[in-house]
Amino acid sequence: MCKEGGFVNKNDLISAIAERSELSRADAAKVVEGVLTAITQSLQKGEDVRLVGFGTFALATRAASVGRNPRTGEEIQIPQSKQPKFKVGKALKDALQT
């Protein structure tokens, strides 16, 4: 499934799903887009997405802080932000330990 670059992109994922599920590429693309949209919308609502055995997508709040402009050394205020986080599930972690 992986190309020479050592990563899988969305098209590679769509192809793999289509092949394994006997769906057309168009239907597999709809599935992938649907899953990504559902995860995004759940996180926007502040809901965690738990896929048992795979992992959990959650939203974390990063507190406001003071940073430095690397060019000038001037202090800048970095506002509070929300960051998506992923915590790997046990089954996925175990699968990667082999």
PDB file of N, CA and C in Angstrom:
ATOM      1  N   MET A   1       0.823  -1.181   0.000  1.00  0.00           N
ATOM      2  CA  MET A   1       0.000   0.000   0.000  1.00  0.00           C
ATOM      3  C   MET A   1       0.871   1.250   0.000  1.00  0.00           C
ATOM      4  N   CYS A   2       2.042   1.163   0.549  1.00  0.00           N
ATOM      5  CA  CYS A   2       2.924   2.318   0.697  1.00  0.00           C
ATOM      6  C   CYS A   2       3.769   2.531  -0.549  1.00  0.00           C
ATOM      7  N   LYS A   3       3.952   3.777  -0.931  1.00  0.00           N
ATOM      8  CA  LYS A   3       4.804   4.097  -2.070  1.00  0.00           C
ATOM      9  C   LYS A   3       6.253   4.185  -1.615  1.00  0.00           C
ATOM     10  N   GLU A   4       7.138   4.508  -2.535  1.00  0.00           N
ATOM     11  CA  GLU A   4       8.566   4.573  -2.220  1.00  0.00           C
ATOM     12  C   GLU A   4       8.904   5.610  -1.160  1.00  0.00           C
ATOM     13  N   GLY A   5       8.106   6.650  -1.024  1.00  0.00           N
ATOM     14  CA  GLY A   5       8.402   7.716  -0.079  1.00  0.00           C
ATOM     15  C   GLY A   5       8.210   7.320   1.373  1.00  0.00           C
ATOM     16  N   GLY A   6       7.641   6.155   1.645  1.00  0.00           N
ATOM     17  CA  GLY A   6       7.472   5.703   3.017  1.00  0.00           C
ATOM     18  C   GLY A   6       6.236   6.250   3.701  1.00  0.00           C
ATOM     19  N   PHE A   7       5.231   6.680   2.933  1.00  0.00           N
ATOM     20  CA  PHE A   7       3.997   7.169   3.527  1.00  0.00           C
ATOM     21  C   PHE A   7       2.819   6.747   2.671  1.00  0.00           C
ATOM     22  N   VAL A   8       1.638   6.825   3.240  1.00  0.00           N
ATOM     23  CA  VAL A   8       0.402   6.515   2.539  1.00  0.00           C
ATOM     24  C   VAL A   8      -0.408   7.794   2.468  1.00  0.00           C
ATOM     25  N   ASN A   9      -0.838   8.182   1.259  1.00  0.00           N
ATOM     26  CA  ASN A   9      -1.668   9.375   1.143  1.00  0.00           C
ATOM     27  C   ASN A   9      -3.139   8.974   1.028  1.00  0.00           C
ATOM     28  N   LYS A  10      -4.009   9.960   0.907  1.00  0.00           N
ATOM     29  CA  LYS A  10      -5.443   9.681   0.883  1.00  0.00           C
ATOM     30  C   LYS A  10      -5.816   8.791  -0.302  1.00  0.00           C
ATOM     31  N   ASN A  11      -5.228   9.018  -1.470  1.00  0.00           N
ATOM     32  CA  ASN A  11      -5.536   8.183  -2.637  1.00  0.00           C
ATOM     33  C   ASN A  11      -5.114   6.735  -2.418  1.00  0.00           C
ATOM     34  N   ASP A  12      -3.976   6.533  -1.773  1.00  0.00           N
ATOM     35  CA  ASP A  12      -3.526   5.166  -1.460  1.00  0.00           C
ATOM     36  C   ASP A  12      -4.518   4.491  -0.513  1.00  0.00           C
ATOM     37  N   LEU A  13      -4.978   5.237   0.466  1.00  0.00           N
ATOM     38  CA  LEU A  13      -5.948   4.707   1.432  1.00  0.00           C
ATOM     39  C   LEU A  13      -7.257   4.352   0.737  1.00  0.00           C
ATOM     40  N   ILE A  14      -7.721   5.215  -0.148  1.00  0.00           N
ATOM     41  CA  ILE A  14      -8.954   4.953  -0.898  1.00  0.00           C
ATOM     42  C   ILE A  14      -8.804   3.687  -1.735  1.00  0.00           C
ATOM     43  N   SER A  15      -7.675   3.541  -2.399  1.00  0.00           N
ATOM     44  CA  SER A  15      -7.429   2.345  -3.221  1.00  0.00           C
ATOM     45  C   SER A  15      -7.433   1.083  -2.374  1.00  0.00           C
ATOM     46  N   ALA A  16      -6.789   1.133  -1.219  1.00  0.00           N
ATOM     47  CA  ALA A  16      -6.730  -0.039  -0.342  1.00  0.00           C
ATOM     48  C   ALA A  16      -8.112  -0.410   0.173  1.00  0.00           C
ATOM     49  N   ILE A  17      -8.915   0.580   0.537  1.00  0.00           N
ATOM     50  CA  ILE A  17     -10.273   0.307   1.019  1.00  0.00           C
ATOM     51  C   ILE A  17     -11.122  -0.274  -0.102  1.00  0.00           C
ATOM     52  N   ALA A  18     -11.016   0.294  -1.288  1.00  0.00           N
ATOM     53  CA  ALA A  18     -11.781  -0.204  -2.433  1.00  0.00           C
ATOM     54  C   ALA A  18     -11.427  -1.668  -2.715  1.00  0.00           C
ATOM     55  N   GLU A  19     -10.145  -1.982  -2.677  1.00  0.00           N
ATOM     56  CA  GLU A  19      -9.691  -3.344  -2.966  1.00  0.00           C
ATOM     57  C   GLU A  19     -10.155  -4.331  -1.900  1.00  0.00           C
ATOM     58  N   ARG A  20     -10.026  -3.956  -0.634  1.00  0.00           N
ATOM     59  CA  ARG A  20     -10.357  -4.880   0.459  1.00  0.00           C
ATOM     60  C   ARG A  20     -11.853  -5.046   0.670  1.00  0.00           C
ATOM     61  N   SER A  21     -12.641  -4.033   0.320  1.00  0.00           N
ATOM     62  CA  SER A  21     -14.081  -4.092   0.597  1.00  0.00           C
ATOM     63  C   SER A  21     -14.911  -4.367  -0.648  1.00  0.00           C
ATOM     64  N   GLU A  22     -14.239  -4.488  -1.794  1.00  0.00           N
ATOM     65  CA  GLU A  22     -14.911  -4.704  -3.073  1.00  0.00           C
ATOM     66  C   GLU A  22     -15.870  -3.561  -3.414  1.00  0.00           C
ATOM     67  N   LEU A  23     -15.531  -2.363  -2.959  1.00  0.00           N
ATOM     68  CA  LEU A  23     -16.273  -1.153  -3.324  1.00  0.00           C
ATOM     69  C   LEU A  23     -15.583  -0.523  -4.526  1.00  0.00           C
ATOM     70  N   SER A  24     -16.327   0.314  -5.255  1.00  0.00           N
ATOM     71  CA  SER A  24     -15.682   1.074  -6.316  1.00  0.00           C
ATOM     72  C   SER A  24     -14.797   2.130  -5.666  1.00  0.00           C
ATOM     73  N   ARG A  25     -13.843   2.663  -6.429  1.00  0.00           N
ATOM     74  CA  ARG A  25     -12.986   3.739  -5.888  1.00  0.00           C
ATOM     75  C   ARG A  25     -13.839   4.937  -5.484  1.00  0.00           C
ATOM     76  N   ALA A  26     -14.878   5.239  -6.254  1.00  0.00           N
ATOM     77  CA  ALA A  26     -15.747   6.381  -5.938  1.00  0.00           C
ATOM     78  C   ALA A  26     -16.456   6.164  -4.604  1.00  0.00           C
ATOM     79  N   ASP A  27     -16.961   4.946  -4.384  1.00  0.00           N
ATOM     80  CA  ASP A  27     -17.635   4.650  -3.115  1.00  0.00           C
ATOM     81  C   ASP A  27     -16.650   4.654  -1.950  1.00  0.00           C
ATOM     82  N   ALA A  28     -15.462   4.107  -2.184  1.00  0.00           N
ATOM     83  CA  ALA A  28     -14.439   4.117  -1.134  1.00  0.00           C
ATOM     84  C   ALA A  28     -14.037   5.554  -0.800  1.00  0.00           C
ATOM     85  N   ALA A  29     -13.958   6.419  -1.802  1.00  0.00           N
ATOM     86  CA  ALA A  29     -13.637   7.834  -1.562  1.00  0.00           C
ATOM     87  C   ALA A  29     -14.711   8.488  -0.704  1.00  0.00           C
ATOM     88  N   LYS A  30     -15.973   8.144  -0.965  1.00  0.00           N
ATOM     89  CA  LYS A  30     -17.072   8.685  -0.150  1.00  0.00           C
ATOM     90  C   LYS A  30     -16.956   8.214   1.297  1.00  0.00           C
ATOM     91  N   VAL A  31     -16.560   6.963   1.481  1.00  0.00           N
ATOM     92  CA  VAL A  31     -16.392   6.416   2.832  1.00  0.00           C
ATOM     93  C   VAL A  31     -15.280   7.161   3.565  1.00  0.00           C
ATOM     94  N   VAL A  32     -14.136   7.321   2.921  1.00  0.00           N
ATOM     95  CA  VAL A  32     -13.001   8.005   3.552  1.00  0.00           C
ATOM     96  C   VAL A  32     -13.387   9.448   3.891  1.00  0.00           C
ATOM     97  N   GLU A  33     -13.981  10.152   2.942  1.00  0.00           N
ATOM     98  CA  GLU A  33     -14.401  11.538   3.190  1.00  0.00           C
ATOM     99  C   GLU A  33     -15.421  11.603   4.318  1.00  0.00           C
ATOM    100  N   GLY A  34     -16.345  10.639   4.345  1.00  0.00           N
ATOM    101  CA  GLY A  34     -17.352  10.599   5.402  1.00  0.00           C
ATOM    102  C   GLY A  34     -16.749  10.400   6.778  1.00  0.00           C
ATOM    103  N   VAL A  35     -15.788   9.497   6.870  1.00  0.00           N
ATOM    104  CA  VAL A  35     -15.124   9.235   8.157  1.00  0.00           C
ATOM    105  C   VAL A  35     -14.359  10.479   8.618  1.00  0.00           C
ATOM    106  N   LEU A  36     -13.597  11.080   7.712  1.00  0.00           N
ATOM    107  CA  LEU A  36     -12.816  12.262   8.082  1.00  0.00           C
ATOM    108  C   LEU A  36     -13.723  13.428   8.475  1.00  0.00           C
ATOM    109  N   THR A  37     -14.817  13.601   7.762  1.00  0.00           N
ATOM    110  CA  THR A  37     -15.773  14.667   8.085  1.00  0.00           C
ATOM    111  C   THR A  37     -16.421  14.417   9.443  1.00  0.00           C
ATOM    112  N   ALA A  38     -16.811  13.181   9.704  1.00  0.00           N
ATOM    113  CA  ALA A  38     -17.447  12.849  10.985  1.00  0.00           C
ATOM    114  C   ALA A  38     -16.493  13.090  12.153  1.00  0.00           C
ATOM    115  N   ILE A  39     -15.225  12.717  11.994  1.00  0.00           N
ATOM    116  CA  ILE A  39     -14.232  12.946  13.049  1.00  0.00           C
ATOM    117  C   ILE A  39     -14.049  14.444  13.268  1.00  0.00           C
ATOM    118  N   THR A  40     -13.911  15.188  12.176  1.00  0.00           N
ATOM    119  CA  THR A  40     -13.724  16.644  12.272  1.00  0.00           C
ATOM    120  C   THR A  40     -14.907  17.305  12.960  1.00  0.00           C
ATOM    121  N   GLN A  41     -16.120  16.960  12.554  1.00  0.00           N
ATOM    122  CA  GLN A  41     -17.309  17.578  13.133  1.00  0.00           C
ATOM    123  C   GLN A  41     -17.460  17.228  14.615  1.00  0.00           C
ATOM    124  N   SER A  42     -17.125  16.007  14.986  1.00  0.00           N
ATOM    125  CA  SER A  42     -17.195  15.624  16.401  1.00  0.00           C
ATOM    126  C   SER A  42     -16.203  16.431  17.228  1.00  0.00           C
ATOM    127  N   LEU A  43     -14.985  16.590  16.723  1.00  0.00           N
ATOM    128  CA  LEU A  43     -13.985  17.386  17.440  1.00  0.00           C
ATOM    129  C   LEU A  43     -14.416  18.849  17.541  1.00  0.00           C
ATOM    130  N   GLN A  44     -15.037  19.384  16.476  1.00  0.00           N
ATOM    131  CA  GLN A  44     -15.523  20.761  16.517  1.00  0.00           C
ATOM    132  C   GLN A  44     -16.571  20.950  17.608  1.00  0.00           C
ATOM    133  N   LYS A  45     -17.353  19.910  17.883  1.00  0.00           N
ATOM    134  CA  LYS A  45     -18.372  19.966  18.935  1.00  0.00           C
ATOM    135  C   LYS A  45     -17.780  19.716  20.321  1.00  0.00           C
ATOM    136  N   GLY A  46     -16.497  19.398  20.380  1.00  0.00           N
ATOM    137  CA  GLY A  46     -15.857  19.106  21.654  1.00  0.00           C
ATOM    138  C   GLY A  46     -15.997  17.655  22.077  1.00  0.00           C
ATOM    139  N   GLU A  47     -16.404  16.801  21.164  1.00  0.00           N
ATOM    140  CA  GLU A  47     -16.587  15.380  21.461  1.00  0.00           C
ATOM    141  C   GLU A  47     -15.330  14.596  21.083  1.00  0.00           C
ATOM    142  N   ASP A  48     -14.986  13.608  21.897  1.00  0.00           N
ATOM    143  CA  ASP A  48     -13.907  12.688  21.555  1.00  0.00           C
ATOM    144  C   ASP A  48     -14.440  11.646  20.586  1.00  0.00           C
ATOM    145  N   VAL A  49     -13.570  11.096  19.759  1.00  0.00           N
ATOM    146  CA  VAL A  49     -13.930  10.005  18.857  1.00  0.00           C
ATOM    147  C   VAL A  49     -13.093   8.811  19.265  1.00  0.00           C
ATOM    148  N   ARG A  50     -13.752   7.786  19.817  1.00  0.00           N
ATOM    149  CA  ARG A  50     -13.056   6.597  20.298  1.00  0.00           C
ATOM    150  C   ARG A  50     -13.316   5.439  19.350  1.00  0.00           C
ATOM    151  N   LEU A  51     -12.254   4.936  18.753  1.00  0.00           N
ATOM    152  CA  LEU A  51     -12.326   3.768  17.885  1.00  0.00           C
ATOM    153  C   LEU A  51     -11.621   2.646  18.641  1.00  0.00           C
ATOM    154  N   VAL A  52     -12.409   1.802  19.300  1.00  0.00           N
ATOM    155  CA  VAL A  52     -11.872   0.789  20.195  1.00  0.00           C
ATOM    156  C   VAL A  52     -10.826  -0.054  19.473  1.00  0.00           C
ATOM    157  N   GLY A  53      -9.671  -0.164  20.094  1.00  0.00           N
ATOM    158  CA  GLY A  53      -8.574  -0.938  19.550  1.00  0.00           C
ATOM    159  C   GLY A  53      -7.668  -0.129  18.636  1.00  0.00           C
ATOM    160  N   PHE A  54      -8.187   0.963  18.055  1.00  0.00           N
ATOM    161  CA  PHE A  54      -7.389   1.779  17.147  1.00  0.00           C
ATOM    162  C   PHE A  54      -6.832   2.995  17.868  1.00  0.00           C
ATOM    163  N   GLY A  55      -7.718   3.788  18.468  1.00  0.00           N
ATOM    164  CA  GLY A  55      -7.255   4.963  19.188  1.00  0.00           C
ATOM    165  C   GLY A  55      -8.368   5.969  19.414  1.00  0.00           C
ATOM    166  N   THR A  56      -7.994   7.090  20.026  1.00  0.00           N
ATOM    167  CA  THR A  56      -8.944   8.144  20.363  1.00  0.00           C
ATOM    168  C   THR A  56      -8.460   9.470  19.829  1.00  0.00           C
ATOM    169  N   PHE A  57      -9.351  10.148  19.111  1.00  0.00           N
ATOM    170  CA  PHE A  57      -9.106  11.514  18.668  1.00  0.00           C
ATOM    171  C   PHE A  57      -9.754  12.425  19.697  1.00  0.00           C
ATOM    172  N   ALA A  58      -9.046  13.429  20.174  1.00  0.00           N
ATOM    173  CA  ALA A  58      -9.574  14.346  21.174  1.00  0.00           C
ATOM    174  C   ALA A  58      -9.072  15.750  20.885  1.00  0.00           C
ATOM    175  N   LEU A  59      -9.716  16.711  21.502  1.00  0.00           N
ATOM    176  CA  LEU A  59      -9.332  18.102  21.348  1.00  0.00           C
ATOM    177  C   LEU A  59      -8.711  18.578  22.652  1.00  0.00           C
ATOM    178  N   ALA A  60      -7.533  19.153  22.571  1.00  0.00           N
ATOM    179  CA  ALA A  60      -6.845  19.675  23.749  1.00  0.00           C
ATOM    180  C   ALA A  60      -6.713  21.183  23.595  1.00  0.00           C
ATOM    181  N   THR A  61      -6.776  21.885  24.701  1.00  0.00           N
ATOM    182  CA  THR A  61      -6.612  23.333  24.684  1.00  0.00           C
ATOM    183  C   THR A  61      -5.199  23.672  25.123  1.00  0.00           C
ATOM    184  N   ARG A  62      -4.511  24.401  24.285  1.00  0.00           N
ATOM    185  CA  ARG A  62      -3.164  24.868  24.609  1.00  0.00           C
ATOM    186  C   ARG A  62      -3.305  26.270  25.195  1.00  0.00           C
ATOM    187  N   ALA A  63      -2.777  26.476  26.369  1.00  0.00           N
ATOM    188  CA  ALA A  63      -2.894  27.761  27.062  1.00  0.00           C
ATOM    189  C   ALA A  63      -2.123  28.857  26.332  1.00  0.00           C
ATOM    190  N   ALA A  64      -2.571  30.081  26.525  1.00  0.00           N
ATOM    191  CA  ALA A  64      -1.849  31.225  25.976  1.00  0.00           C
ATOM    192  C   ALA A  64      -0.462  31.276  26.616  1.00  0.00           C
ATOM    193  N   SER A  65       0.499  31.777  25.859  1.00  0.00           N
ATOM    194  CA  SER A  65       1.861  31.843  26.387  1.00  0.00           C
ATOM    195  C   SER A  65       2.606  33.004  25.741  1.00  0.00           C
ATOM    196  N   VAL A  66       3.798  33.222  26.237  1.00  0.00           N
ATOM    197  CA  VAL A  66       4.658  34.260  25.678  1.00  0.00           C
ATOM    198  C   VAL A  66       5.786  33.563  24.931  1.00  0.00           C
ATOM    199  N   GLY A  67       6.033  34.008  23.690  1.00  0.00           N
ATOM    200  CA  GLY A  67       7.105  33.443  22.897  1.00  0.00           C
ATOM    201  C   GLY A  67       8.039  34.540  22.432  1.00  0.00           C
ATOM    202  N   ARG A  68       8.969  34.184  21.600  1.00  0.00           N
ATOM    203  CA  ARG A  68       9.917  35.161  21.057  1.00  0.00           C
ATOM    204  C   ARG A  68       9.925  35.071  19.545  1.00  0.00           C
ATOM    205  N   ASN A  69       9.968  36.239  18.913  1.00  0.00           N
ATOM    206  CA  ASN A  69      10.155  36.305  17.478  1.00  0.00           C
ATOM    207  C   ASN A  69      11.598  35.901  17.207  1.00  0.00           C
ATOM    208  N   PRO A  70      11.823  34.837  16.427  1.00  0.00           N
ATOM    209  CA  PRO A  70      13.193  34.365  16.227  1.00  0.00           C
ATOM    210  C   PRO A  70      14.093  35.363  15.490  1.00  0.00           C
ATOM    211  N   ARG A  71      13.505  36.239  14.718  1.00  0.00           N
ATOM    212  CA  ARG A  71      14.319  37.218  13.971  1.00  0.00           C
ATOM    213  C   ARG A  71      14.747  38.390  14.831  1.00  0.00           C
ATOM    214  N   THR A  72      13.807  38.869  15.661  1.00  0.00           N
ATOM    215  CA  THR A  72      14.101  40.096  16.410  1.00  0.00           C
ATOM    216  C   THR A  72      14.357  39.849  17.887  1.00  0.00           C
ATOM    217  N   GLY A  73      13.934  38.689  18.393  1.00  0.00           N
ATOM    218  CA  GLY A  73      14.062  38.425  19.820  1.00  0.00           C
ATOM    219  C   GLY A  73      12.958  39.082  20.632  1.00  0.00           C
ATOM    220  N   GLU A  74      12.065  39.806  19.955  1.00  0.00           N
ATOM    221  CA  GLU A  74      10.961  40.508  20.620  1.00  0.00           C
ATOM    222  C   GLU A  74       9.960  39.502  21.192  1.00  0.00           C
ATOM    223  N   GLU A  75       9.455  39.784  22.401  1.00  0.00           N
ATOM    224  CA  GLU A  75       8.432  38.936  22.996  1.00  0.00           C
ATOM    225  C   GLU A  75       7.120  39.120  22.249  1.00  0.00           C
ATOM    226  N   ILE A  76       6.419  37.995  22.035  1.00  0.00           N
ATOM    227  CA  ILE A  76       5.111  38.045  21.403  1.00  0.00           C
ATOM    228  C   ILE A  76       4.140  37.208  22.221  1.00  0.00           C
ATOM    229  N   GLN A  77       2.886  37.589  22.181  1.00  0.00           N
ATOM    230  CA  GLN A  77       1.841  36.844  22.875  1.00  0.00           C
ATOM    231  C   GLN A  77       1.313  35.765  21.925  1.00  0.00           C
ATOM    232  N   ILE A  78       1.325  34.530  22.365  1.00  0.00           N
ATOM    233  CA  ILE A  78       0.774  33.420  21.598  1.00  0.00           C
ATOM    234  C   ILE A  78      -0.591  33.113  22.206  1.00  0.00           C
ATOM    235  N   PRO A  79      -1.672  33.285  21.426  1.00  0.00           N
ATOM    236  CA  PRO A  79      -3.006  33.097  21.987  1.00  0.00           C
ATOM    237  C   PRO A  79      -3.319  31.634  22.292  1.00  0.00           C
ATOM    238  N   GLN A  80      -4.317  31.430  23.139  1.00  0.00           N
ATOM    239  CA  GLN A  80      -4.809  30.098  23.435  1.00  0.00           C
ATOM    240  C   GLN A  80      -5.286  29.470  22.128  1.00  0.00           C
ATOM    241  N   SER A  81      -5.106  28.165  21.987  1.00  0.00           N
ATOM    242  CA  SER A  81      -5.564  27.492  20.771  1.00  0.00           C
ATOM    243  C   SER A  81      -6.038  26.085  21.101  1.00  0.00           C
ATOM    244  N   LYS A  82      -6.807  25.523  20.186  1.00  0.00           N
ATOM    245  CA  LYS A  82      -7.265  24.147  20.321  1.00  0.00           C
ATOM    246  C   LYS A  82      -6.468  23.293  19.352  1.00  0.00           C
ATOM    247  N   GLN A  83      -5.980  22.157  19.840  1.00  0.00           N
ATOM    248  CA  GLN A  83      -5.136  21.269  19.051  1.00  0.00           C
ATOM    249  C   GLN A  83      -5.742  19.863  19.039  1.00  0.00           C
ATOM    250  N   PRO A  84      -5.851  19.251  17.873  1.00  0.00           N
ATOM    251  CA  PRO A  84      -6.300  17.859  17.840  1.00  0.00           C
ATOM    252  C   PRO A  84      -5.185  16.940  18.345  1.00  0.00           C
ATOM    253  N   LYS A  85      -5.575  15.938  19.085  1.00  0.00           N
ATOM    254  CA  LYS A  85      -4.618  14.957  19.616  1.00  0.00           C
ATOM    255  C   LYS A  85      -5.103  13.559  19.265  1.00  0.00           C
ATOM    256  N   PHE A  86      -4.174  12.633  19.140  1.00  0.00           N
ATOM    257  CA  PHE A  86      -4.517  11.232  18.896  1.00  0.00           C
ATOM    258  C   PHE A  86      -3.763  10.372  19.886  1.00  0.00           C
ATOM    259  N   LYS A  87      -4.495   9.509  20.583  1.00  0.00           N
ATOM    260  CA  LYS A  87      -3.876   8.567  21.514  1.00  0.00           C
ATOM    261  C   LYS A  87      -4.109   7.164  20.960  1.00  0.00           C
ATOM    262  N   VAL A  88      -3.041   6.454  20.705  1.00  0.00           N
ATOM    263  CA  VAL A  88      -3.115   5.133  20.093  1.00  0.00           C
ATOM    264  C   VAL A  88      -3.775   4.133  21.038  1.00  0.00           C
ATOM    265  N   GLY A  89      -4.586   3.236  20.467  1.00  0.00           N
ATOM    266  CA  GLY A  89      -5.252   2.194  21.237  1.00  0.00           C
ATOM    267  C   GLY A  89      -4.367   0.981  21.427  1.00  0.00           C
ATOM    268  N   LYS A  90      -4.744   0.127  22.360  1.00  0.00           N
ATOM    269  CA  LYS A  90      -3.926  -1.027  22.716  1.00  0.00           C
ATOM    270  C   LYS A  90      -3.738  -1.988  21.543  1.00  0.00           C
ATOM    271  N   ALA A  91      -4.790  -2.298  20.813  1.00  0.00           N
ATOM    272  CA  ALA A  91      -4.664  -3.260  19.711  1.00  0.00           C
ATOM    273  C   ALA A  91      -3.714  -2.735  18.627  1.00  0.00           C
ATOM    274  N   LEU A  92      -3.799  -1.467  18.307  1.00  0.00           N
ATOM    275  CA  LEU A  92      -2.890  -0.887  17.314  1.00  0.00           C
ATOM    276  C   LEU A  92      -1.466  -0.873  17.842  1.00  0.00           C
ATOM    277  N   LYS A  93      -1.300  -0.500  19.096  1.00  0.00           N
ATOM    278  CA  LYS A  93       0.034  -0.476  19.702  1.00  0.00           C
ATOM    279  C   LYS A  93       0.644  -1.862  19.686  1.00  0.00           C
ATOM    280  N   ASP A  94      -0.157  -2.868  20.050  1.00  0.00           N
ATOM    281  CA  ASP A  94       0.330  -4.248  20.059  1.00  0.00           C
ATOM    282  C   ASP A  94       0.681  -4.720  18.651  1.00  0.00           C
ATOM    283  N   ALA A  95      -0.114  -4.335  17.652  1.00  0.00           N
ATOM    284  CA  ALA A  95       0.149  -4.732  16.276  1.00  0.00           C
ATOM    285  C   ALA A  95       1.455  -4.162  15.763  1.00  0.00           C
ATOM    286  N   LEU A  96       1.846  -3.012  16.259  1.00  0.00           N
ATOM    287  CA  LEU A  96       3.067  -2.363  15.806  1.00  0.00           C
ATOM    288  C   LEU A  96       4.313  -2.852  16.536  1.00  0.00           C
ATOM    289  N   GLN A  97       4.146  -3.621  17.585  1.00  0.00           N
ATOM    290  CA  GLN A  97       5.271  -4.116  18.376  1.00  0.00           C
ATOM    291  C   GLN A  97       5.894  -5.376  17.784  1.00  0.00           C
ATOM    292  N   THR A  98       5.321  -5.920  16.732  1.00  0.00           N
ATOM    293  CA  THR A  98       5.840  -7.177  16.157  1.00  0.00           C
ATOM    294  C   THR A  98       7.013  -6.939  15.260  1.00  0.00           C
TER     295      THR A  98
END
